């Protein structure tokens, strides 16, 4: 599978953005996730969705503010981000994992990373 993230931009604190992840090729994956990396920090898990079934998973830091969804027919995964904070500023990536459910929280378990998209939240 090949994944490509898009939709980032500059937004004021409290604002919203919707990121899109386009999948192509053979989608033989269990989960597609959103991960982010801020300057000087390690890559961290944000949210994930089970490709077949739709169960969702979130980092505590975004729970209640971000929503991950998908459209299997369009081969798209979305990340709706509301109530954005300055600390959400990062490059956001979508990637895939075929591990067990607990693997979605570990960035090292992901493969097929696409190019990231920059999200900047001004305070």
Protein backbone atom coordinates (compact mmCIF):
# COMPACT_ATOMS: atom_id res chain seq x y z
CA UNK A 1 0.00 0.00 0.00
CA UNK A 2 1.09 3.58 -0.67
CA UNK A 3 -0.24 6.35 1.53
CA UNK A 4 -0.26 10.10 1.01
CA UNK A 5 -1.36 12.66 3.58
CA UNK A 6 -2.68 16.11 2.74
CA UNK A 7 -4.75 18.94 4.17
CA UNK A 8 -2.37 20.56 6.61
CA UNK A 9 -2.05 24.29 7.05
CA UNK A 10 -1.89 27.22 9.44
CA UNK A 11 -4.79 27.67 11.84
CA UNK A 12 -5.45 29.68 14.97
CA UNK A 13 -5.78 27.99 18.33
CA UNK A 14 -9.31 26.68 18.76
CA UNK A 15 -9.73 26.21 15.03
CA UNK A 16 -10.25 23.10 12.94
CA UNK A 17 -8.56 21.23 10.11
CA UNK A 18 -9.36 18.06 8.22
CA UNK A 19 -6.48 15.89 7.06
CA UNK A 20 -6.88 13.31 4.31
CA UNK A 21 -4.90 10.14 3.65
CA UNK A 22 -5.19 8.63 0.19
CA UNK A 23 -4.34 4.96 -0.14
CA UNK A 24 -3.32 3.27 -3.36
CA UNK A 25 -2.19 -0.17 -4.36
CA UNK A 26 -3.13 -3.31 -2.49
CA UNK A 27 -4.59 -2.36 0.89
CA UNK A 28 -3.73 -5.52 2.78
CA UNK A 29 -3.51 -3.76 6.11
CA UNK A 30 -5.20 -4.10 9.47
CA UNK A 31 -5.02 -0.51 10.68
CA UNK A 32 -4.27 2.88 9.17
CA UNK A 33 -3.05 5.41 11.63
CA UNK A 34 -2.20 9.05 12.01
CA UNK A 35 1.06 9.91 13.71
CA UNK A 36 2.84 13.20 14.19
CA UNK A 37 6.27 14.57 14.86
CA UNK A 38 6.94 17.97 16.36
CA UNK A 39 10.35 19.67 16.05
CA UNK A 40 12.84 18.13 18.44
CA UNK A 41 10.43 15.44 19.55
CA UNK A 42 9.92 11.79 18.75
CA UNK A 43 7.20 10.62 16.44
CA UNK A 44 4.00 9.89 18.37
CA UNK A 45 0.73 8.10 17.80
CA UNK A 46 -2.38 10.26 17.29
CA UNK A 47 -5.23 8.05 16.07
CA UNK A 48 -5.91 4.87 14.13
CA UNK A 49 -8.79 3.05 12.50
CA UNK A 50 -9.27 -0.61 11.64
CA UNK A 51 -9.50 -0.80 7.85
CA UNK A 52 -12.10 -3.58 7.91
CA UNK A 53 -14.49 -3.00 10.78
CA UNK A 54 -13.95 0.62 11.68
CA UNK A 55 -12.87 0.45 15.32
CA UNK A 56 -11.03 3.61 16.31
CA UNK A 57 -8.20 4.36 18.71
CA UNK A 58 -6.91 7.69 20.04
CA UNK A 59 -4.05 9.12 22.03
CA UNK A 60 -5.24 10.61 25.31
CA UNK A 61 -3.97 14.02 24.21
CA UNK A 62 -6.44 14.21 21.31
CA UNK A 63 -9.39 12.19 22.63
CA UNK A 64 -12.59 14.22 22.36
CA UNK A 65 -11.03 16.70 19.91
CA UNK A 66 -9.93 14.56 16.96
CA UNK A 67 -12.00 12.06 14.99
CA UNK A 68 -10.61 9.47 12.59
CA UNK A 69 -12.86 8.08 9.86
CA UNK A 70 -12.56 6.26 6.55
CA UNK A 71 -14.21 5.62 3.23
CA UNK A 72 -13.17 2.18 2.00
CA UNK A 73 -14.70 2.71 -1.45
CA UNK A 74 -12.62 5.85 -1.99
CA UNK A 75 -9.59 4.36 -0.22
CA UNK A 76 -9.45 7.39 2.04
CA UNK A 77 -8.83 7.93 5.74
CA UNK A 78 -9.56 11.27 7.39
CA UNK A 79 -8.55 13.03 10.58
CA UNK A 80 -10.95 15.74 11.69
CA UNK A 81 -9.16 17.99 14.18
CA UNK A 82 -11.16 20.40 16.31
CA UNK A 83 -10.16 22.58 19.22
CA UNK A 84 -6.61 22.75 17.96
CA UNK A 85 -3.90 23.78 20.40
CA UNK A 86 -0.38 25.10 19.87
CA UNK A 87 0.96 21.75 21.07
CA UNK A 88 -0.74 20.04 18.12
CA UNK A 89 1.76 21.73 15.82
CA UNK A 90 3.65 18.99 14.00
CA UNK A 91 4.13 17.17 10.74
CA UNK A 92 1.30 14.65 10.47
CA UNK A 93 1.76 11.33 8.71
CA UNK A 94 -0.51 8.47 7.82
CA UNK A 95 0.89 4.95 7.89
CA UNK A 96 -0.26 1.36 8.16
CA UNK A 97 0.23 -1.51 10.56
CA UNK A 98 -0.69 -5.18 10.39
CA UNK A 99 0.00 -5.91 14.03
CA UNK A 100 -2.31 -6.77 16.88
CA UNK A 101 -4.55 -4.07 18.32
CA UNK A 102 -2.04 -2.85 20.88
CA UNK A 103 0.45 -2.19 18.08
CA UNK A 104 -1.50 0.83 16.87
CA UNK A 105 -0.06 2.89 19.73
CA UNK A 106 3.57 2.20 18.77
CA UNK A 107 4.98 4.28 15.91
CA UNK A 108 7.70 1.68 15.31
CA UNK A 109 5.04 -0.86 14.29
CA UNK A 110 3.95 1.18 11.26
CA UNK A 111 5.05 0.82 7.66
CA UNK A 112 4.25 2.47 4.33
CA UNK A 113 4.71 5.97 5.66
CA UNK A 114 3.58 8.65 3.28
CA UNK A 115 4.94 12.16 3.01
CA UNK A 116 3.74 14.19 5.93
CA UNK A 117 1.64 17.31 5.97
CA UNK A 118 2.49 20.27 8.19
CA UNK A 119 -0.04 21.49 10.75
CA UNK A 120 0.79 24.75 12.47
CA UNK A 121 -1.43 26.12 15.23
CA UNK A 122 -0.82 29.71 16.22
CA UNK A 123 -1.64 30.78 19.77
